[in-house]
Amino acid sequence: MNQLSFGRVTLGVSVTLILAFLMIPVIIVVPLSFSDARFLTFPPPAYSLRCWYHAFFDNPAWIDAAKTTFAASSCAALIATPLGIMAAYGIQYCSHWSMRYLRTLLMLPIIIVAVGVFFVFTQAGYVNTLTGLIVADTMLGLPYVLISVGADLRTFDRTQEMVARSLGMNRFRAFMTVTLPQIKASVISAMVFVFIQALDETVVALFVSGGNNQTLTRRMFVTLRDEIDPTIAAISTMLTALTLCLVMFVVVSRRRSAIQA
């Protein structure tokens, strides 16, 4: 019993330390966004509400990058979610041997990124275009939809859908009427995570975006390379707050679905 308690305490302390280590950069960035200094210095010599958030919203280049980021992220979420749902549904309920290889193929974007995408898009003329960025973000978002929706489909009682089809509904209508409402929490979660992934994606953005279609993360990377501007801390704080709000929305949605079930 004592060994079990000691193991739980050790695990709890380890998890707490790991979470604290991961949260330190966030804790540092927030006060830096209110710094009165011209350059990033920690701790800030003084605090001010006048500078860096205004510098972001008053700078057309930052605003254009934000528009590109949100446009690409929204389109990627809207495209990847239905594609991922169809793929997860087909993989779950199709018995053909090729489905196991299809799942592996769709999971590859998590492993193979950036250089491969850049090479293909260079040949196709999609580098530095919004279309190329949306396609890349959609490809990278598909595995999230596949994992989230696939997990719910594995626990879903398909008999309900079969009953609806036996009463005259076609497969699509039965899915939309019976299956989708019961897995909507995982669909919402998948869409939000695709959006967050596209919002924060840096590696692929460095290769694919540019010119008039560069993302916030790419512009932040370039700005850090050229000058250490506290505007980056303000943007990082806003992106972190937005991500946290979206994650909380997912948690609340899943709890409501669990209660209704």
Foldseek 3Di string as FASTA:
>chain_A
DVVVVVVVVVVVVVVVVVVCVVCVVVVCLVCLLQAPDFFRDPPHPDGHPPDQVCVQVVDVLNVLQAVLLQVLLLLLLVVLLVVLLVLLVCLQPPPDPCNVVVLVVLPCLVPDAQVVLLVVCVVVVQAQHSVSLSVSLNSNLSNLNNVLLNVVVVVDDCVQLVVVVVVPDDNVVSCVPPVCVLSVLSSLVSSLVSSLCSNQDARNLCRGHDDSNHHNNPVLVVCVVVGRGSSSSVVVNVSVVVNVVSVVVSVVSVVVSVVVD
